[in-house]
Amino acid sequence: MEKKIVSEITLFSLFLIGLSYGATACMFTCMPFLSPLILTHSKDVKQSLEIMVPFSLGRVFTYSFLAIIASFSASLVKNIINNPNISQIILGSATIIVALFLLRNSLFDKKSCCQTSKKIPRSKFGYFFMGAGISFNPCAPVITLLTASAYTQSITEAFTYGFIFGIGAISASLIFFGIIFSQISKGLISEFSKYKKHIEIFAAFLLILVGIFTLNGSFQL
């Protein structure tokens, strides 16, 4: 009974840690990657969530994966998150791929540039891997998750720790980027609707630049 109470307290604490992390440092880290995407797919909240859901699932996957690895070997997961090449390659490559999709759609699609609903699913895997890559971040909240996971007794328990932390971490960004920012960008696009294609092209090149900077280490997570 006492162990169950301690476990519940730990899960609640991990959720709060993830929530505070997601609402502060992670929000700013995600902004260079998500802002151009939301800006060019801001027709409604549904389209914004079609970006945010796979991106967020990628983040939860990484946190759960790291928690499980930590339950087996804390030193191994420490080496993983302290190796910037892993997150740089995953995040940088996924960002460039998504940007190329956006650029191709803007330059070569003869349909109206406002008809974006059919384009988004093509990049869902890209959004997922962007979220997964951005979560290999050796910050204090993630270290706390790994420390707690190192003392778990099973894979299920470790997965639960990572999953609960991940749910907390993505909650704020889902609300901000998926709902609030999408509404703000919707207003901006409506004001500059005749420049929408130019904005899409600019956003794609901006993402390519961010992806290149991430790959070569100039952009630190």
C-alpha atoms as a PDB file:
ATOM      1  CA  MET A   1       0.000   0.000   0.000  1.00  0.00           C
ATOM      2  CA  GLU A   2       2.800   2.389   0.988  1.00  0.00           C
ATOM      3  CA  LYS A   3       4.720   1.542  -2.203  1.00  0.00           C
ATOM      4  CA  LYS A   4       1.613   2.287  -4.294  1.00  0.00           C
ATOM      5  CA  ILE A   5       1.194   5.697  -2.643  1.00  0.00           C
ATOM      6  CA  VAL A   6       4.867   6.528  -3.227  1.00  0.00           C
ATOM      7  CA  SER A   7       4.501   5.446  -6.866  1.00  0.00           C
ATOM      8  CA  GLU A   8       1.432   7.646  -7.346  1.00  0.00           C
ATOM      9  CA  ILE A   9       3.252  10.615  -5.801  1.00  0.00           C
ATOM     10  CA  THR A  10       6.213   9.968  -8.116  1.00  0.00           C
ATOM     11  CA  LEU A  11       3.967   9.845 -11.192  1.00  0.00           C
ATOM     12  CA  PHE A  12       2.191  13.046 -10.192  1.00  0.00           C
ATOM     13  CA  SER A  13       5.544  14.721  -9.546  1.00  0.00           C
ATOM     14  CA  LEU A  14       6.869  13.614 -12.940  1.00  0.00           C
ATOM     15  CA  PHE A  15       3.739  14.960 -14.618  1.00  0.00           C
ATOM     16  CA  LEU A  16       4.202  18.347 -12.914  1.00  0.00           C
ATOM     17  CA  ILE A  17       7.910  18.416 -13.798  1.00  0.00           C
ATOM     18  CA  GLY A  18       7.084  17.596 -17.412  1.00  0.00           C
ATOM     19  CA  LEU A  19       4.334  20.233 -17.446  1.00  0.00           C
ATOM     20  CA  SER A  20       6.606  22.968 -16.096  1.00  0.00           C
ATOM     21  CA  TYR A  21       9.350  21.975 -18.548  1.00  0.00           C
ATOM     22  CA  GLY A  22       6.945  21.932 -21.492  1.00  0.00           C
ATOM     23  CA  ALA A  23       5.509  25.319 -20.587  1.00  0.00           C
ATOM     24  CA  THR A  24       8.897  27.039 -20.294  1.00  0.00           C
ATOM     25  CA  ALA A  25      12.218  25.918 -21.796  1.00  0.00           C
ATOM     26  CA  CYS A  26      10.774  23.386 -24.240  1.00  0.00           C
ATOM     27  CA  MET A  27       8.268  25.908 -25.582  1.00  0.00           C
ATOM     28  CA  PHE A  28      11.110  28.147 -26.758  1.00  0.00           C
ATOM     29  CA  THR A  29      13.132  25.200 -28.076  1.00  0.00           C
ATOM     30  CA  CYS A  30      10.201  24.032 -30.209  1.00  0.00           C
ATOM     31  CA  MET A  31       9.349  27.481 -31.542  1.00  0.00           C
ATOM     32  CA  PRO A  32      11.893  27.653 -34.443  1.00  0.00           C
ATOM     33  CA  PHE A  33      10.637  24.277 -35.702  1.00  0.00           C
ATOM     34  CA  LEU A  34       6.892  24.598 -35.131  1.00  0.00           C
ATOM     35  CA  SER A  35       6.253  28.278 -35.886  1.00  0.00           C
ATOM     36  CA  PRO A  36       6.915  28.051 -39.669  1.00  0.00           C
ATOM     37  CA  LEU A  37       4.815  24.874 -39.895  1.00  0.00           C
ATOM     38  CA  ILE A  38       1.844  26.287 -38.010  1.00  0.00           C
ATOM     39  CA  LEU A  39       2.127  29.567 -39.885  1.00  0.00           C
ATOM     40  CA  THR A  40       1.795  27.856 -43.267  1.00  0.00           C
ATOM     41  CA  HIS A  41      -0.982  25.453 -42.144  1.00  0.00           C
ATOM     42  CA  SER A  42      -3.141  27.835 -40.162  1.00  0.00           C
ATOM     43  CA  LYS A  43      -6.491  27.404 -41.862  1.00  0.00           C
ATOM     44  CA  ASP A  44      -7.986  26.000 -38.655  1.00  0.00           C
ATOM     45  CA  VAL A  45      -7.164  24.274 -35.368  1.00  0.00           C
ATOM     46  CA  LYS A  46      -7.717  20.841 -36.935  1.00  0.00           C
ATOM     47  CA  GLN A  47      -4.845  21.338 -39.378  1.00  0.00           C
ATOM     48  CA  SER A  48      -2.603  22.669 -36.616  1.00  0.00           C
ATOM     49  CA  LEU A  49      -3.337  19.583 -34.515  1.00  0.00           C
ATOM     50  CA  GLU A  50      -2.484  17.376 -37.512  1.00  0.00           C
ATOM     51  CA  ILE A  51       1.021  18.747 -37.091  1.00  0.00           C
ATOM     52  CA  MET A  52       1.104  18.874 -33.308  1.00  0.00           C
ATOM     53  CA  VAL A  53      -0.248  15.369 -32.596  1.00  0.00           C
ATOM     54  CA  PRO A  54       2.474  13.383 -34.453  1.00  0.00           C
ATOM     55  CA  PHE A  55       5.119  15.868 -33.234  1.00  0.00           C
ATOM     56  CA  SER A  56       3.937  15.377 -29.642  1.00  0.00           C
ATOM     57  CA  LEU A  57       3.748  11.588 -30.020  1.00  0.00           C
ATOM     58  CA  GLY A  58       7.378  11.662 -31.131  1.00  0.00           C
ATOM     59  CA  ARG A  59       8.294  13.486 -27.936  1.00  0.00           C
ATOM     60  CA  VAL A  60       6.373  11.035 -25.734  1.00  0.00           C
ATOM     61  CA  PHE A  61       8.038   8.135 -27.577  1.00  0.00           C
ATOM     62  CA  THR A  62      11.521   9.473 -26.841  1.00  0.00           C
ATOM     63  CA  TYR A  63      10.799  10.127 -23.154  1.00  0.00           C
ATOM     64  CA  SER A  64       9.348   6.620 -22.775  1.00  0.00           C
ATOM     65  CA  PHE A  65      12.282   5.094 -24.664  1.00  0.00           C
ATOM     66  CA  LEU A  66      14.856   6.910 -22.509  1.00  0.00           C
ATOM     67  CA  ALA A  67      13.016   5.902 -19.315  1.00  0.00           C
ATOM     68  CA  ILE A  68      13.047   2.232 -20.341  1.00  0.00           C
ATOM     69  CA  ILE A  69      16.753   2.355 -21.226  1.00  0.00           C
ATOM     70  CA  ALA A  70      17.481   4.093 -17.914  1.00  0.00           C
ATOM     71  CA  SER A  71      15.767   1.264 -16.037  1.00  0.00           C
ATOM     72  CA  PHE A  72      18.359  -1.105 -17.503  1.00  0.00           C
ATOM     73  CA  SER A  73      21.407   1.131 -17.488  1.00  0.00           C
ATOM     74  CA  ALA A  74      21.589   4.710 -16.272  1.00  0.00           C
ATOM     75  CA  SER A  75      25.109   5.074 -17.655  1.00  0.00           C
ATOM     76  CA  LEU A  76      23.991   3.945 -21.128  1.00  0.00           C
ATOM     77  CA  VAL A  77      21.174   6.475 -21.371  1.00  0.00           C
ATOM     78  CA  LYS A  78      23.534   9.125 -19.996  1.00  0.00           C
ATOM     79  CA  ASN A  79      25.870   8.446 -22.904  1.00  0.00           C
ATOM     80  CA  ILE A  80      22.944   8.648 -25.345  1.00  0.00           C
ATOM     81  CA  ILE A  81      21.642  12.039 -24.232  1.00  0.00           C
ATOM     82  CA  ASN A  82      25.150  13.448 -23.794  1.00  0.00           C
ATOM     83  CA  ASN A  83      25.897  12.617 -27.434  1.00  0.00           C
ATOM     84  CA  PRO A  84      24.528  15.608 -29.372  1.00  0.00           C
ATOM     85  CA  ASN A  85      25.012  13.841 -32.713  1.00  0.00           C
ATOM     86  CA  ILE A  86      21.953  11.631 -32.100  1.00  0.00           C
ATOM     87  CA  SER A  87      19.446  14.439 -31.606  1.00  0.00           C
ATOM     88  CA  GLN A  88      21.130  16.636 -34.221  1.00  0.00           C
ATOM     89  CA  ILE A  89      20.939  13.983 -36.933  1.00  0.00           C
ATOM     90  CA  ILE A  90      17.323  12.966 -36.173  1.00  0.00           C
ATOM     91  CA  LEU A  91      15.984  16.491 -35.703  1.00  0.00           C
ATOM     92  CA  GLY A  92      18.030  18.158 -38.428  1.00  0.00           C
ATOM     93  CA  SER A  93      17.230  15.517 -41.054  1.00  0.00           C
ATOM     94  CA  ALA A  94      13.514  15.413 -40.212  1.00  0.00           C
ATOM     95  CA  THR A  95      13.295  19.215 -40.302  1.00  0.00           C
ATOM     96  CA  ILE A  96      14.928  19.422 -43.735  1.00  0.00           C
ATOM     97  CA  ILE A  97      12.681  16.648 -45.109  1.00  0.00           C
ATOM     98  CA  VAL A  98       9.541  18.396 -43.853  1.00  0.00           C
ATOM     99  CA  ALA A  99      10.809  21.704 -45.272  1.00  0.00           C
ATOM    100  CA  LEU A 100      11.393  20.109 -48.685  1.00  0.00           C
ATOM    101  CA  PHE A 101       7.815  18.783 -48.665  1.00  0.00           C
ATOM    102  CA  LEU A 102       6.549  22.287 -47.934  1.00  0.00           C
ATOM    103  CA  LEU A 103       8.747  23.787 -50.629  1.00  0.00           C
ATOM    104  CA  ARG A 104       7.696  21.233 -53.237  1.00  0.00           C
ATOM    105  CA  ASN A 105       4.017  21.787 -52.445  1.00  0.00           C
ATOM    106  CA  SER A 106       4.415  25.556 -52.685  1.00  0.00           C
ATOM    107  CA  LEU A 107       6.407  25.608 -55.908  1.00  0.00           C
ATOM    108  CA  PHE A 108       4.968  22.739 -57.927  1.00  0.00           C
ATOM    109  CA  ASP A 109       1.374  22.232 -56.761  1.00  0.00           C
ATOM    110  CA  LYS A 110      -0.878  23.920 -59.318  1.00  0.00           C
ATOM    111  CA  LYS A 111      -3.878  23.811 -56.992  1.00  0.00           C
ATOM    112  CA  SER A 112      -4.740  26.634 -54.688  1.00  0.00           C
ATOM    113  CA  CYS A 113      -2.078  27.187 -52.059  1.00  0.00           C
ATOM    114  CA  CYS A 114      -4.844  27.344 -49.469  1.00  0.00           C
ATOM    115  CA  GLN A 115      -5.793  23.685 -50.074  1.00  0.00           C
ATOM    116  CA  THR A 116      -3.335  22.273 -47.571  1.00  0.00           C
ATOM    117  CA  SER A 117      -5.427  19.629 -45.842  1.00  0.00           C
ATOM    118  CA  LYS A 118      -4.307  16.882 -48.231  1.00  0.00           C
ATOM    119  CA  LYS A 119      -0.655  17.802 -47.960  1.00  0.00           C
ATOM    120  CA  ILE A 120      -0.222  17.472 -44.229  1.00  0.00           C
ATOM    121  CA  PRO A 121      -0.477  13.643 -43.929  1.00  0.00           C
ATOM    122  CA  ARG A 122       2.540  13.217 -46.234  1.00  0.00           C
ATOM    123  CA  SER A 123       4.796  14.701 -43.565  1.00  0.00           C
ATOM    124  CA  LYS A 124       3.371  13.054 -40.447  1.00  0.00           C
ATOM    125  CA  PHE A 125       6.399  10.809 -40.068  1.00  0.00           C
ATOM    126  CA  GLY A 126       8.593  13.882 -40.445  1.00  0.00           C
ATOM    127  CA  TYR A 127       6.696  15.661 -37.681  1.00  0.00           C
ATOM    128  CA  PHE A 128       7.003  12.539 -35.499  1.00  0.00           C
ATOM    129  CA  PHE A 129      10.777  12.346 -35.922  1.00  0.00           C
ATOM    130  CA  MET A 130      11.125  16.085 -35.335  1.00  0.00           C
ATOM    131  CA  GLY A 131       9.390  15.605 -31.990  1.00  0.00           C
ATOM    132  CA  ALA A 132      11.478  12.530 -31.211  1.00  0.00           C
ATOM    133  CA  GLY A 133      14.738  14.283 -32.035  1.00  0.00           C
ATOM    134  CA  ILE A 134      14.021  17.439 -30.071  1.00  0.00           C
ATOM    135  CA  SER A 135      13.435  15.394 -26.903  1.00  0.00           C
ATOM    136  CA  PHE A 136      17.019  14.079 -26.657  1.00  0.00           C
ATOM    137  CA  ASN A 137      17.799  17.053 -24.478  1.00  0.00           C
ATOM    138  CA  PRO A 138      19.977  16.571 -21.345  1.00  0.00           C
ATOM    139  CA  CYS A 139      18.192  19.220 -19.267  1.00  0.00           C
ATOM    140  CA  ALA A 140      17.383  19.020 -15.550  1.00  0.00           C
ATOM    141  CA  PRO A 141      13.763  17.767 -15.940  1.00  0.00           C
ATOM    142  CA  VAL A 142      14.832  14.959 -18.289  1.00  0.00           C
ATOM    143  CA  ILE A 143      17.684  14.014 -15.919  1.00  0.00           C
ATOM    144  CA  THR A 144      15.101  13.832 -13.118  1.00  0.00           C
ATOM    145  CA  LEU A 145      12.992  11.467 -15.232  1.00  0.00           C
ATOM    146  CA  LEU A 146      16.006   9.252 -15.932  1.00  0.00           C
ATOM    147  CA  THR A 147      17.061   9.207 -12.280  1.00  0.00           C
ATOM    148  CA  ALA A 148      13.579   8.102 -11.192  1.00  0.00           C
ATOM    149  CA  SER A 149      13.421   5.512 -14.000  1.00  0.00           C
ATOM    150  CA  ALA A 150      16.775   4.013 -12.971  1.00  0.00           C
ATOM    151  CA  TYR A 151      15.127   2.776  -9.761  1.00  0.00           C
ATOM    152  CA  THR A 152      12.099   1.171 -11.413  1.00  0.00           C
ATOM    153  CA  GLN A 153      11.540  -2.564 -11.117  1.00  0.00           C
ATOM    154  CA  SER A 154      10.079  -3.315 -14.552  1.00  0.00           C
ATOM    155  CA  ILE A 155       9.849  -2.118 -18.141  1.00  0.00           C
ATOM    156  CA  THR A 156       6.163  -1.313 -17.619  1.00  0.00           C
ATOM    157  CA  GLU A 157       6.931   0.922 -14.658  1.00  0.00           C
ATOM    158  CA  ALA A 158       9.727   2.699 -16.548  1.00  0.00           C
ATOM    159  CA  PHE A 159       7.496   3.178 -19.585  1.00  0.00           C
ATOM    160  CA  THR A 160       4.779   4.637 -17.350  1.00  0.00           C
ATOM    161  CA  TYR A 161       7.269   7.129 -15.891  1.00  0.00           C
ATOM    162  CA  GLY A 162       8.349   8.272 -19.354  1.00  0.00           C
ATOM    163  CA  PHE A 163       4.788   8.354 -20.669  1.00  0.00           C
ATOM    164  CA  ILE A 164       3.430  10.425 -17.767  1.00  0.00           C
ATOM    165  CA  PHE A 165       6.368  12.838 -17.987  1.00  0.00           C
ATOM    166  CA  GLY A 166       5.794  13.101 -21.739  1.00  0.00           C
ATOM    167  CA  ILE A 167       2.070  13.827 -21.343  1.00  0.00           C
ATOM    168  CA  GLY A 168       2.936  16.648 -18.970  1.00  0.00           C
ATOM    169  CA  ALA A 169       5.631  17.977 -21.309  1.00  0.00           C
ATOM    170  CA  ILE A 170       3.410  18.092 -24.404  1.00  0.00           C
ATOM    171  CA  SER A 171       0.293  19.510 -22.723  1.00  0.00           C
ATOM    172  CA  ALA A 172       1.328  23.163 -22.811  1.00  0.00           C
ATOM    173  CA  SER A 173       2.746  23.057 -26.339  1.00  0.00           C
ATOM    174  CA  LEU A 174      -0.381  21.319 -27.668  1.00  0.00           C
ATOM    175  CA  ILE A 175      -2.533  24.092 -26.272  1.00  0.00           C
ATOM    176  CA  PHE A 176      -0.199  26.918 -27.275  1.00  0.00           C
ATOM    177  CA  PHE A 177       0.865  25.842 -30.762  1.00  0.00           C
ATOM    178  CA  GLY A 178      -2.181  23.745 -31.623  1.00  0.00           C
ATOM    179  CA  ILE A 179      -4.838  26.236 -30.559  1.00  0.00           C
ATOM    180  CA  ILE A 180      -3.564  29.671 -29.483  1.00  0.00           C
ATOM    181  CA  PHE A 181      -0.717  30.196 -31.956  1.00  0.00           C
ATOM    182  CA  SER A 182      -2.744  28.707 -34.806  1.00  0.00           C
ATOM    183  CA  GLN A 183      -5.483  31.280 -34.187  1.00  0.00           C
ATOM    184  CA  ILE A 184      -2.938  34.113 -34.118  1.00  0.00           C
ATOM    185  CA  SER A 185      -1.298  32.937 -37.337  1.00  0.00           C
ATOM    186  CA  LYS A 186      -4.727  32.471 -38.925  1.00  0.00           C
ATOM    187  CA  GLY A 187      -5.391  36.161 -38.369  1.00  0.00           C
ATOM    188  CA  LEU A 188      -2.020  37.109 -39.838  1.00  0.00           C
ATOM    189  CA  ILE A 189      -2.513  34.946 -42.916  1.00  0.00           C
ATOM    190  CA  SER A 190      -5.995  36.350 -43.521  1.00  0.00           C
ATOM    191  CA  GLU A 191      -4.467  39.836 -43.561  1.00  0.00           C
ATOM    192  CA  PHE A 192      -1.756  38.785 -46.010  1.00  0.00           C
ATOM    193  CA  SER A 193      -3.651  36.101 -47.943  1.00  0.00           C
ATOM    194  CA  LYS A 194      -2.329  37.257 -51.319  1.00  0.00           C
ATOM    195  CA  TYR A 195       1.221  36.638 -50.048  1.00  0.00           C
ATOM    196  CA  LYS A 196       0.435  33.158 -48.666  1.00  0.00           C
ATOM    197  CA  LYS A 197       2.512  31.325 -51.250  1.00  0.00           C
ATOM    198  CA  HIS A 198       5.471  33.605 -50.584  1.00  0.00           C
ATOM    199  CA  ILE A 199       5.082  33.009 -46.856  1.00  0.00           C
ATOM    200  CA  GLU A 200       5.043  29.237 -47.442  1.00  0.00           C
ATOM    201  CA  ILE A 201       8.246  29.421 -49.504  1.00  0.00           C
ATOM    202  CA  PHE A 202       9.929  31.650 -46.913  1.00  0.00           C
ATOM    203  CA  ALA A 203       8.871  29.284 -44.088  1.00  0.00           C
ATOM    204  CA  ALA A 204      10.235  26.280 -46.006  1.00  0.00           C
ATOM    205  CA  PHE A 205      13.623  27.951 -46.540  1.00  0.00           C
ATOM    206  CA  LEU A 206      13.643  29.031 -42.897  1.00  0.00           C
ATOM    207  CA  LEU A 207      13.066  25.419 -41.821  1.00  0.00           C
ATOM    208  CA  ILE A 208      15.833  24.214 -44.145  1.00  0.00           C
ATOM    209  CA  LEU A 209      18.165  26.743 -42.540  1.00  0.00           C
ATOM    210  CA  VAL A 210      17.155  25.638 -39.040  1.00  0.00           C
ATOM    211  CA  GLY A 211      17.672  21.994 -40.069  1.00  0.00           C
ATOM    212  CA  ILE A 212      21.170  22.705 -41.428  1.00  0.00           C
ATOM    213  CA  PHE A 213      22.126  24.649 -38.304  1.00  0.00           C
ATOM    214  CA  THR A 214      20.850  21.748 -36.193  1.00  0.00           C
ATOM    215  CA  LEU A 215      22.853  19.174 -38.166  1.00  0.00           C
ATOM    216  CA  ASN A 216      26.132  21.055 -37.866  1.00  0.00           C
ATOM    217  CA  GLY A 217      25.587  21.913 -34.197  1.00  0.00           C
ATOM    218  CA  SER A 218      25.154  25.667 -34.648  1.00  0.00           C
ATOM    219  CA  PHE A 219      21.622  25.434 -33.236  1.00  0.00           C
ATOM    220  CA  GLN A 220      21.800  24.022 -29.700  1.00  0.00           C
ATOM    221  CA  LEU A 221      18.746  22.343 -28.144  1.00  0.00           C
END
